[in-house]
Amino acid sequence: MTVDQLSTQPPKPLLNPYNTGMNKTNPYVQQILSQGKEPSKVPAAKREFPCTIHGRTYETEQDYLQDLHDFLNGM
């Protein structure tokens, strides 16, 4: 492919976990549908900082991610 061909092609659509094809393979969406509910299409809200989780206060997202990294790696 040349550069001209790349710039004229439309972008590929992003995979949407709630589209019809994915409903058959995603067990979480299948469970929600089996309960007669619709899966939410709204993404989870982003955490706001500073925040306190189980008595620990994180001033920035970087502090939180560092502690999470240490926890997951057994430090």
C-alpha atoms as a PDB file:
ATOM      1  CA  MET A   1       0.000   0.000   0.000  1.00  0.00           C
ATOM      2  CA  THR A   2       1.133   3.487  -0.712  1.00  0.00           C
ATOM      3  CA  VAL A   3       0.734   6.506   1.516  1.00  0.00           C
ATOM      4  CA  ASP A   4      -2.005   7.840  -0.773  1.00  0.00           C
ATOM      5  CA  GLN A   5      -3.990   4.621  -0.413  1.00  0.00           C
ATOM      6  CA  LEU A   6      -3.706   4.711   3.382  1.00  0.00           C
ATOM      7  CA  SER A   7      -5.001   8.261   3.648  1.00  0.00           C
ATOM      8  CA  THR A   8      -8.064   7.617   1.440  1.00  0.00           C
ATOM      9  CA  GLN A   9      -9.260   4.452   3.170  1.00  0.00           C
ATOM     10  CA  PRO A  10     -11.854   4.911   5.911  1.00  0.00           C
ATOM     11  CA  PRO A  11     -10.724   3.913   9.390  1.00  0.00           C
ATOM     12  CA  LYS A  12     -11.701   0.467  10.619  1.00  0.00           C
ATOM     13  CA  PRO A  13     -14.510   0.511  13.186  1.00  0.00           C
ATOM     14  CA  LEU A  14     -13.505  -0.123  16.788  1.00  0.00           C
ATOM     15  CA  LEU A  15     -14.686  -3.334  18.387  1.00  0.00           C
ATOM     16  CA  ASN A  16     -17.715  -2.716  20.538  1.00  0.00           C
ATOM     17  CA  PRO A  17     -18.212  -5.413  23.194  1.00  0.00           C
ATOM     18  CA  TYR A  18     -21.971  -4.849  23.095  1.00  0.00           C
ATOM     19  CA  ASN A  19     -22.507  -5.344  19.392  1.00  0.00           C
ATOM     20  CA  THR A  20     -24.494  -8.364  18.233  1.00  0.00           C
ATOM     21  CA  GLY A  21     -21.492 -10.509  17.365  1.00  0.00           C
ATOM     22  CA  MET A  22     -19.878 -10.118  20.770  1.00  0.00           C
ATOM     23  CA  ASN A  23     -23.036 -10.908  22.747  1.00  0.00           C
ATOM     24  CA  LYS A  24     -22.646 -14.571  21.848  1.00  0.00           C
ATOM     25  CA  THR A  25     -19.104 -14.837  23.169  1.00  0.00           C
ATOM     26  CA  ASN A  26     -19.028 -12.516  26.183  1.00  0.00           C
ATOM     27  CA  PRO A  27     -20.311 -14.451  29.228  1.00  0.00           C
ATOM     28  CA  TYR A  28     -20.885 -11.274  31.253  1.00  0.00           C
ATOM     29  CA  VAL A  29     -23.128  -9.727  28.623  1.00  0.00           C
ATOM     30  CA  GLN A  30     -24.874 -13.103  28.178  1.00  0.00           C
ATOM     31  CA  GLN A  31     -25.629 -13.219  31.919  1.00  0.00           C
ATOM     32  CA  ILE A  32     -27.023  -9.671  31.916  1.00  0.00           C
ATOM     33  CA  LEU A  33     -29.198 -10.478  28.901  1.00  0.00           C
ATOM     34  CA  SER A  34     -30.416 -13.727  30.506  1.00  0.00           C
ATOM     35  CA  GLN A  35     -31.620 -11.682  33.487  1.00  0.00           C
ATOM     36  CA  GLY A  36     -33.766  -9.595  31.145  1.00  0.00           C
ATOM     37  CA  LYS A  37     -31.585  -6.503  31.457  1.00  0.00           C
ATOM     38  CA  GLU A  38     -29.669  -4.439  28.920  1.00  0.00           C
ATOM     39  CA  PRO A  39     -25.892  -3.999  29.287  1.00  0.00           C
ATOM     40  CA  SER A  40     -24.837  -0.436  29.981  1.00  0.00           C
ATOM     41  CA  LYS A  41     -23.247   1.401  27.104  1.00  0.00           C
ATOM     42  CA  VAL A  42     -21.943   4.146  29.389  1.00  0.00           C
ATOM     43  CA  PRO A  43     -18.285   3.762  30.407  1.00  0.00           C
ATOM     44  CA  ALA A  44     -17.442   3.700  34.096  1.00  0.00           C
ATOM     45  CA  ALA A  45     -16.788   7.084  35.670  1.00  0.00           C
ATOM     46  CA  LYS A  46     -13.140   8.002  36.060  1.00  0.00           C
ATOM     47  CA  ARG A  47     -11.971   8.183  39.665  1.00  0.00           C
ATOM     48  CA  GLU A  48     -11.415  11.684  41.031  1.00  0.00           C
ATOM     49  CA  PHE A  49      -8.378  12.524  43.137  1.00  0.00           C
ATOM     50  CA  PRO A  50      -7.641  13.023  45.974  1.00  0.00           C
ATOM     51  CA  CYS A  51      -9.546   9.939  47.071  1.00  0.00           C
ATOM     52  CA  THR A  52      -9.570   7.662  50.096  1.00  0.00           C
ATOM     53  CA  ILE A  53      -9.792   3.887  49.707  1.00  0.00           C
ATOM     54  CA  HIS A  54      -9.964   1.769  52.876  1.00  0.00           C
ATOM     55  CA  GLY A  55      -8.314   4.481  54.955  1.00  0.00           C
ATOM     56  CA  ARG A  56      -5.516   5.259  52.497  1.00  0.00           C
ATOM     57  CA  THR A  57      -5.591   8.668  50.834  1.00  0.00           C
ATOM     58  CA  TYR A  58      -4.137   9.098  47.371  1.00  0.00           C
ATOM     59  CA  GLU A  59      -3.444  12.659  46.308  1.00  0.00           C
ATOM     60  CA  THR A  60      -2.858  11.842  42.639  1.00  0.00           C
ATOM     61  CA  GLU A  61      -3.704   9.075  40.213  1.00  0.00           C
ATOM     62  CA  GLN A  62       0.026   8.367  39.911  1.00  0.00           C
ATOM     63  CA  ASP A  63       0.249   7.651  43.680  1.00  0.00           C
ATOM     64  CA  TYR A  64      -2.721   5.282  43.421  1.00  0.00           C
ATOM     65  CA  LEU A  65      -1.303   3.458  40.393  1.00  0.00           C
ATOM     66  CA  GLN A  66       2.094   3.089  42.093  1.00  0.00           C
ATOM     67  CA  ASP A  67       0.518   1.511  45.196  1.00  0.00           C
ATOM     68  CA  LEU A  68      -1.647  -0.703  43.001  1.00  0.00           C
ATOM     69  CA  HIS A  69       1.455  -1.790  41.085  1.00  0.00           C
ATOM     70  CA  ASP A  70       3.283  -2.594  44.326  1.00  0.00           C
ATOM     71  CA  PHE A  71       0.277  -4.537  45.662  1.00  0.00           C
ATOM     72  CA  LEU A  72      -0.157  -6.607  42.507  1.00  0.00           C
ATOM     73  CA  ASN A  73       3.569  -7.400  42.420  1.00  0.00           C
ATOM     74  CA  GLY A  74       3.655  -8.516  46.069  1.00  0.00           C
ATOM     75  CA  MET A  75       5.650  -5.637  47.513  1.00  0.00           C
END
